[in-house]
Amino acid sequence: MVRWSLTGSALGQKGAKKGSLSQYVEEAAQRASFEETVDSVQERNSRYSEEEIEESINEAIRETRAASRS
């Protein structure tokens, strides 16, 4: 769990519009969530070689294209 302690100066602006702080927090939370997801996927995929991953991607593309043509 992440805890935040923010003040208006976190925005780097004086006289920020209403809602700016909540938008800043939302964007920061989304960024942290994205980075956590990337780390998780990289860790999960570390056991596979680059060639295995690329072949899996290419196979999925071939299957998708074949399904869309039928």
PDB file of N, CA and C in Angstrom:
ATOM      1  N   MET A   1       0.840  -1.172   0.000  1.00  0.00           N
ATOM      2  CA  MET A   1       0.000   0.000   0.000  1.00  0.00           C
ATOM      3  C   MET A   1       0.887   1.238   0.000  1.00  0.00           C
ATOM      4  N   VAL A   2       0.494   2.219  -0.753  1.00  0.00           N
ATOM      5  CA  VAL A   2       1.246   3.464  -0.848  1.00  0.00           C
ATOM      6  C   VAL A   2       0.481   4.549  -0.108  1.00  0.00           C
ATOM      7  N   ARG A   3       1.188   5.302   0.698  1.00  0.00           N
ATOM      8  CA  ARG A   3       0.564   6.432   1.400  1.00  0.00           C
ATOM      9  C   ARG A   3       1.162   7.708   0.859  1.00  0.00           C
ATOM     10  N   TRP A   4       0.328   8.693   0.673  1.00  0.00           N
ATOM     11  CA  TRP A   4       0.755   9.964   0.105  1.00  0.00           C
ATOM     12  C   TRP A   4       0.539  11.081   1.112  1.00  0.00           C
ATOM     13  N   SER A   5       1.462  11.996   1.136  1.00  0.00           N
ATOM     14  CA  SER A   5       1.316  13.212   1.912  1.00  0.00           C
ATOM     15  C   SER A   5       1.694  14.354   0.976  1.00  0.00           C
ATOM     16  N   LEU A   6       0.706  15.087   0.496  1.00  0.00           N
ATOM     17  CA  LEU A   6       0.939  16.113  -0.509  1.00  0.00           C
ATOM     18  C   LEU A   6       0.466  17.474  -0.027  1.00  0.00           C
ATOM     19  N   THR A   7       1.113  18.460  -0.576  1.00  0.00           N
ATOM     20  CA  THR A   7       0.670  19.828  -0.360  1.00  0.00           C
ATOM     21  C   THR A   7       0.521  20.483  -1.718  1.00  0.00           C
ATOM     22  N   GLY A   8      -0.023  21.651  -1.742  1.00  0.00           N
ATOM     23  CA  GLY A   8      -0.190  22.363  -3.002  1.00  0.00           C
ATOM     24  C   GLY A   8       1.118  22.573  -3.735  1.00  0.00           C
ATOM     25  N   SER A   9       2.226  22.644  -3.024  1.00  0.00           N
ATOM     26  CA  SER A   9       3.517  22.854  -3.681  1.00  0.00           C
ATOM     27  C   SER A   9       3.934  21.645  -4.512  1.00  0.00           C
ATOM     28  N   ALA A  10       3.298  20.512  -4.287  1.00  0.00           N
ATOM     29  CA  ALA A  10       3.627  19.323  -5.080  1.00  0.00           C
ATOM     30  C   ALA A  10       3.292  19.542  -6.541  1.00  0.00           C
ATOM     31  N   LEU A  11       2.393  20.458  -6.824  1.00  0.00           N
ATOM     32  CA  LEU A  11       2.006  20.752  -8.199  1.00  0.00           C
ATOM     33  C   LEU A  11       3.014  21.648  -8.892  1.00  0.00           C
ATOM     34  N   GLY A  12       3.810  22.341  -8.116  1.00  0.00           N
ATOM     35  CA  GLY A  12       4.775  23.252  -8.707  1.00  0.00           C
ATOM     36  C   GLY A  12       4.119  24.495  -9.279  1.00  0.00           C
ATOM     37  N   GLN A  13       2.907  24.804  -8.841  1.00  0.00           N
ATOM     38  CA  GLN A  13       2.174  25.961  -9.361  1.00  0.00           C
ATOM     39  C   GLN A  13       1.528  26.697  -8.195  1.00  0.00           C
ATOM     40  N   LYS A  14       1.433  28.002  -8.356  1.00  0.00           N
ATOM     41  CA  LYS A  14       0.654  28.775  -7.395  1.00  0.00           C
ATOM     42  C   LYS A  14      -0.680  29.066  -8.033  1.00  0.00           C
ATOM     43  N   GLY A  15      -1.712  29.065  -7.242  1.00  0.00           N
ATOM     44  CA  GLY A  15      -3.031  29.365  -7.760  1.00  0.00           C
ATOM     45  C   GLY A  15      -3.548  28.306  -8.718  1.00  0.00           C
ATOM     46  N   ALA A  16      -3.207  27.054  -8.454  1.00  0.00           N
ATOM     47  CA  ALA A  16      -3.664  25.967  -9.321  1.00  0.00           C
ATOM     48  C   ALA A  16      -5.184  25.890  -9.278  1.00  0.00           C
ATOM     49  N   LYS A  17      -5.747  25.466 -10.378  1.00  0.00           N
ATOM     50  CA  LYS A  17      -7.205  25.353 -10.481  1.00  0.00           C
ATOM     51  C   LYS A  17      -7.725  24.268  -9.562  1.00  0.00           C
ATOM     52  N   LYS A  18      -8.993  24.414  -9.188  1.00  0.00           N
ATOM     53  CA  LYS A  18      -9.644  23.431  -8.333  1.00  0.00           C
ATOM     54  C   LYS A  18      -9.600  22.073  -9.036  1.00  0.00           C
ATOM     55  N   GLY A  19      -9.229  21.052  -8.295  1.00  0.00           N
ATOM     56  CA  GLY A  19      -9.140  19.710  -8.851  1.00  0.00           C
ATOM     57  C   GLY A  19      -7.760  19.354  -9.363  1.00  0.00           C
ATOM     58  N   SER A  20      -6.858  20.325  -9.442  1.00  0.00           N
ATOM     59  CA  SER A  20      -5.511  20.044  -9.954  1.00  0.00           C
ATOM     60  C   SER A  20      -4.765  19.046  -9.086  1.00  0.00           C
ATOM     61  N   LEU A  21      -4.900  19.188  -7.771  1.00  0.00           N
ATOM     62  CA  LEU A  21      -4.200  18.277  -6.867  1.00  0.00           C
ATOM     63  C   LEU A  21      -4.740  16.863  -7.025  1.00  0.00           C
ATOM     64  N   SER A  22      -6.059  16.709  -7.106  1.00  0.00           N
ATOM     65  CA  SER A  22      -6.618  15.372  -7.261  1.00  0.00           C
ATOM     66  C   SER A  22      -6.216  14.775  -8.606  1.00  0.00           C
ATOM     67  N   GLN A  23      -6.124  15.582  -9.656  1.00  0.00           N
ATOM     68  CA  GLN A  23      -5.681  15.100 -10.960  1.00  0.00           C
ATOM     69  C   GLN A  23      -4.220  14.666 -10.877  1.00  0.00           C
ATOM     70  N   TYR A  24      -3.403  15.438 -10.181  1.00  0.00           N
ATOM     71  CA  TYR A  24      -1.991  15.104  -9.992  1.00  0.00           C
ATOM     72  C   TYR A  24      -1.855  13.755  -9.280  1.00  0.00           C
ATOM     73  N   VAL A  25      -2.637  13.573  -8.223  1.00  0.00           N
ATOM     74  CA  VAL A  25      -2.596  12.335  -7.450  1.00  0.00           C
ATOM     75  C   VAL A  25      -3.054  11.165  -8.318  1.00  0.00           C
ATOM     76  N   GLU A  26      -4.121  11.346  -9.073  1.00  0.00           N
ATOM     77  CA  GLU A  26      -4.637  10.292  -9.952  1.00  0.00           C
ATOM     78  C   GLU A  26      -3.580   9.880 -10.976  1.00  0.00           C
ATOM     79  N   GLU A  27      -2.944  10.854 -11.598  1.00  0.00           N
ATOM     80  CA  GLU A  27      -1.905  10.548 -12.589  1.00  0.00           C
ATOM     81  C   GLU A  27      -0.721   9.833 -11.947  1.00  0.00           C
ATOM     82  N   ALA A  28      -0.338  10.251 -10.754  1.00  0.00           N
ATOM     83  CA  ALA A  28       0.775   9.606 -10.047  1.00  0.00           C
ATOM     84  C   ALA A  28       0.411   8.164  -9.690  1.00  0.00           C
ATOM     85  N   ALA A  29      -0.824   7.941  -9.267  1.00  0.00           N
ATOM     86  CA  ALA A  29      -1.272   6.588  -8.931  1.00  0.00           C
ATOM     87  C   ALA A  29      -1.294   5.706 -10.176  1.00  0.00           C
ATOM     88  N   GLN A  30      -1.757   6.243 -11.288  1.00  0.00           N
ATOM     89  CA  GLN A  30      -1.767   5.481 -12.538  1.00  0.00           C
ATOM     90  C   GLN A  30      -0.349   5.133 -12.976  1.00  0.00           C
ATOM     91  N   ARG A  31       0.553   6.096 -12.834  1.00  0.00           N
ATOM     92  CA  ARG A  31       1.958   5.874 -13.210  1.00  0.00           C
ATOM     93  C   ARG A  31       2.569   4.780 -12.330  1.00  0.00           C
ATOM     94  N   ALA A  32       2.308   4.837 -11.022  1.00  0.00           N
ATOM     95  CA  ALA A  32       2.845   3.834 -10.102  1.00  0.00           C
ATOM     96  C   ALA A  32       2.272   2.455 -10.411  1.00  0.00           C
ATOM     97  N   SER A  33       0.983   2.401 -10.714  1.00  0.00           N
ATOM     98  CA  SER A  33       0.349   1.130 -11.058  1.00  0.00           C
ATOM     99  C   SER A  33       0.929   0.560 -12.344  1.00  0.00           C
ATOM    100  N   PHE A  34       1.137   1.415 -13.350  1.00  0.00           N
ATOM    101  CA  PHE A  34       1.718   0.975 -14.613  1.00  0.00           C
ATOM    102  C   PHE A  34       3.122   0.420 -14.399  1.00  0.00           C
ATOM    103  N   GLU A  35       3.942   1.130 -13.625  1.00  0.00           N
ATOM    104  CA  GLU A  35       5.307   0.688 -13.365  1.00  0.00           C
ATOM    105  C   GLU A  35       5.327  -0.643 -12.618  1.00  0.00           C
ATOM    106  N   GLU A  36       4.390  -0.815 -11.684  1.00  0.00           N
ATOM    107  CA  GLU A  36       4.282  -2.073 -10.948  1.00  0.00           C
ATOM    108  C   GLU A  36       3.899  -3.214 -11.894  1.00  0.00           C
ATOM    109  N   THR A  37       2.993  -2.942 -12.823  1.00  0.00           N
ATOM    110  CA  THR A  37       2.581  -3.951 -13.805  1.00  0.00           C
ATOM    111  C   THR A  37       3.749  -4.325 -14.705  1.00  0.00           C
ATOM    112  N   VAL A  38       4.491  -3.327 -15.185  1.00  0.00           N
ATOM    113  CA  VAL A  38       5.651  -3.592 -16.047  1.00  0.00           C
ATOM    114  C   VAL A  38       6.664  -4.454 -15.298  1.00  0.00           C
ATOM    115  N   ASP A  39       6.959  -4.119 -14.057  1.00  0.00           N
ATOM    116  CA  ASP A  39       7.914  -4.895 -13.262  1.00  0.00           C
ATOM    117  C   ASP A  39       7.443  -6.340 -13.106  1.00  0.00           C
ATOM    118  N   SER A  40       6.151  -6.515 -12.856  1.00  0.00           N
ATOM    119  CA  SER A  40       5.585  -7.851 -12.677  1.00  0.00           C
ATOM    120  C   SER A  40       5.693  -8.675 -13.951  1.00  0.00           C
ATOM    121  N   VAL A  41       5.368  -8.073 -15.088  1.00  0.00           N
ATOM    122  CA  VAL A  41       5.441  -8.779 -16.368  1.00  0.00           C
ATOM    123  C   VAL A  41       6.890  -9.113 -16.709  1.00  0.00           C
ATOM    124  N   GLN A  42       7.800  -8.176 -16.481  1.00  0.00           N
ATOM    125  CA  GLN A  42       9.212  -8.437 -16.767  1.00  0.00           C
ATOM    126  C   GLN A  42       9.739  -9.583 -15.898  1.00  0.00           C
ATOM    127  N   GLU A  43       9.338  -9.597 -14.633  1.00  0.00           N
ATOM    128  CA  GLU A  43       9.776 -10.670 -13.741  1.00  0.00           C
ATOM    129  C   GLU A  43       9.209 -12.010 -14.209  1.00  0.00           C
ATOM    130  N   ARG A  44       7.925 -12.020 -14.565  1.00  0.00           N
ATOM    131  CA  ARG A  44       7.281 -13.246 -15.027  1.00  0.00           C
ATOM    132  C   ARG A  44       7.925 -13.762 -16.313  1.00  0.00           C
ATOM    133  N   ASN A  45       8.286 -12.850 -17.213  1.00  0.00           N
ATOM    134  CA  ASN A  45       8.839 -13.248 -18.502  1.00  0.00           C
ATOM    135  C   ASN A  45      10.338 -13.510 -18.469  1.00  0.00           C
ATOM    136  N   SER A  46      10.995 -13.232 -17.366  1.00  0.00           N
ATOM    137  CA  SER A  46      12.454 -13.381 -17.306  1.00  0.00           C
ATOM    138  C   SER A  46      12.895 -14.826 -17.491  1.00  0.00           C
ATOM    139  N   ARG A  47      12.018 -15.772 -17.276  1.00  0.00           N
ATOM    140  CA  ARG A  47      12.394 -17.181 -17.435  1.00  0.00           C
ATOM    141  C   ARG A  47      12.378 -17.641 -18.897  1.00  0.00           C
ATOM    142  N   TYR A  48      11.878 -16.781 -19.796  1.00  0.00           N
ATOM    143  CA  TYR A  48      11.801 -17.113 -21.217  1.00  0.00           C
ATOM    144  C   TYR A  48      12.856 -16.339 -21.997  1.00  0.00           C
ATOM    145  N   SER A  49      13.357 -16.954 -23.048  1.00  0.00           N
ATOM    146  CA  SER A  49      14.318 -16.254 -23.902  1.00  0.00           C
ATOM    147  C   SER A  49      13.560 -15.273 -24.792  1.00  0.00           C
ATOM    148  N   GLU A  50      14.285 -14.309 -25.325  1.00  0.00           N
ATOM    149  CA  GLU A  50      13.685 -13.327 -26.230  1.00  0.00           C
ATOM    150  C   GLU A  50      13.084 -14.022 -27.449  1.00  0.00           C
ATOM    151  N   GLU A  51      13.762 -15.059 -27.917  1.00  0.00           N
ATOM    152  CA  GLU A  51      13.271 -15.800 -29.083  1.00  0.00           C
ATOM    153  C   GLU A  51      11.939 -16.488 -28.783  1.00  0.00           C
ATOM    154  N   GLU A  52      11.814 -17.077 -27.582  1.00  0.00           N
ATOM    155  CA  GLU A  52      10.555 -17.739 -27.204  1.00  0.00           C
ATOM    156  C   GLU A  52       9.403 -16.734 -27.135  1.00  0.00           C
ATOM    157  N   ILE A  53       9.673 -15.573 -26.586  1.00  0.00           N
ATOM    158  CA  ILE A  53       8.640 -14.540 -26.470  1.00  0.00           C
ATOM    159  C   ILE A  53       8.226 -14.054 -27.851  1.00  0.00           C
ATOM    160  N   GLU A  54       9.207 -13.782 -28.702  1.00  0.00           N
ATOM    161  CA  GLU A  54       8.896 -13.307 -30.058  1.00  0.00           C
ATOM    162  C   GLU A  54       8.112 -14.352 -30.839  1.00  0.00           C
ATOM    163  N   GLU A  55       8.460 -15.624 -30.699  1.00  0.00           N
ATOM    164  CA  GLU A  55       7.742 -16.683 -31.405  1.00  0.00           C
ATOM    165  C   GLU A  55       6.300 -16.785 -30.898  1.00  0.00           C
ATOM    166  N   SER A  56       6.099 -16.643 -29.599  1.00  0.00           N
ATOM    167  CA  SER A  56       4.737 -16.664 -29.049  1.00  0.00           C
ATOM    168  C   SER A  56       3.906 -15.503 -29.591  1.00  0.00           C
ATOM    169  N   ILE A  57       4.520 -14.345 -29.685  1.00  0.00           N
ATOM    170  CA  ILE A  57       3.829 -13.168 -30.232  1.00  0.00           C
ATOM    171  C   ILE A  57       3.481 -13.399 -31.695  1.00  0.00           C
ATOM    172  N   ASN A  58       4.445 -13.880 -32.460  1.00  0.00           N
ATOM    173  CA  ASN A  58       4.206 -14.128 -33.880  1.00  0.00           C
ATOM    174  C   ASN A  58       3.124 -15.183 -34.092  1.00  0.00           C
ATOM    175  N   GLU A  59       3.113 -16.214 -33.266  1.00  0.00           N
ATOM    176  CA  GLU A  59       2.086 -17.246 -33.364  1.00  0.00           C
ATOM    177  C   GLU A  59       0.703 -16.663 -33.077  1.00  0.00           C
ATOM    178  N   ALA A  60       0.605 -15.836 -32.057  1.00  0.00           N
ATOM    179  CA  ALA A  60      -0.676 -15.200 -31.728  1.00  0.00           C
ATOM    180  C   ALA A  60      -1.147 -14.306 -32.864  1.00  0.00           C
ATOM    181  N   ILE A  61      -0.237 -13.603 -33.495  1.00  0.00           N
ATOM    182  CA  ILE A  61      -0.589 -12.744 -34.642  1.00  0.00           C
ATOM    183  C   ILE A  61      -1.102 -13.603 -35.795  1.00  0.00           C
ATOM    184  N   ARG A  62      -0.397 -14.702 -36.097  1.00  0.00           N
ATOM    185  CA  ARG A  62      -0.835 -15.590 -37.173  1.00  0.00           C
ATOM    186  C   ARG A  62      -2.233 -16.146 -36.901  1.00  0.00           C
ATOM    187  N   GLU A  63      -2.461 -16.591 -35.665  1.00  0.00           N
ATOM    188  CA  GLU A  63      -3.775 -17.139 -35.307  1.00  0.00           C
ATOM    189  C   GLU A  63      -4.870 -16.093 -35.408  1.00  0.00           C
ATOM    190  N   THR A  64      -4.586 -14.875 -34.982  1.00  0.00           N
ATOM    191  CA  THR A  64      -5.573 -13.799 -35.047  1.00  0.00           C
ATOM    192  C   THR A  64      -5.899 -13.457 -36.484  1.00  0.00           C
ATOM    193  N   ARG A  65      -4.893 -13.359 -37.320  1.00  0.00           N
ATOM    194  CA  ARG A  65      -5.114 -13.046 -38.730  1.00  0.00           C
ATOM    195  C   ARG A  65      -5.893 -14.163 -39.417  1.00  0.00           C
ATOM    196  N   ALA A  66      -5.572 -15.398 -39.105  1.00  0.00           N
ATOM    197  CA  ALA A  66      -6.286 -16.531 -39.709  1.00  0.00           C
ATOM    198  C   ALA A  66      -7.747 -16.533 -39.270  1.00  0.00           C
ATOM    199  N   ALA A  67      -8.005 -16.226 -38.025  1.00  0.00           N
ATOM    200  CA  ALA A  67      -9.382 -16.205 -37.520  1.00  0.00           C
ATOM    201  C   ALA A  67     -10.181 -15.063 -38.138  1.00  0.00           C
ATOM    202  N   SER A  68      -9.535 -13.937 -38.385  1.00  0.00           N
ATOM    203  CA  SER A  68     -10.260 -12.792 -38.951  1.00  0.00           C
ATOM    204  C   SER A  68     -10.545 -12.972 -40.438  1.00  0.00           C
ATOM    205  N   ARG A  69      -9.789 -13.840 -41.094  1.00  0.00           N
ATOM    206  CA  ARG A  69     -10.005 -14.091 -42.530  1.00  0.00           C
ATOM    207  C   ARG A  69     -11.100 -15.115 -42.776  1.00  0.00           C
ATOM    208  N   SER A  70     -11.433 -15.901 -41.758  1.00  0.00           N
ATOM    209  CA  SER A  70     -12.441 -16.926 -41.964  1.00  0.00           C
ATOM    210  C   SER A  70     -13.831 -16.505 -41.581  1.00  0.00           C
TER     211      SER A  70
END
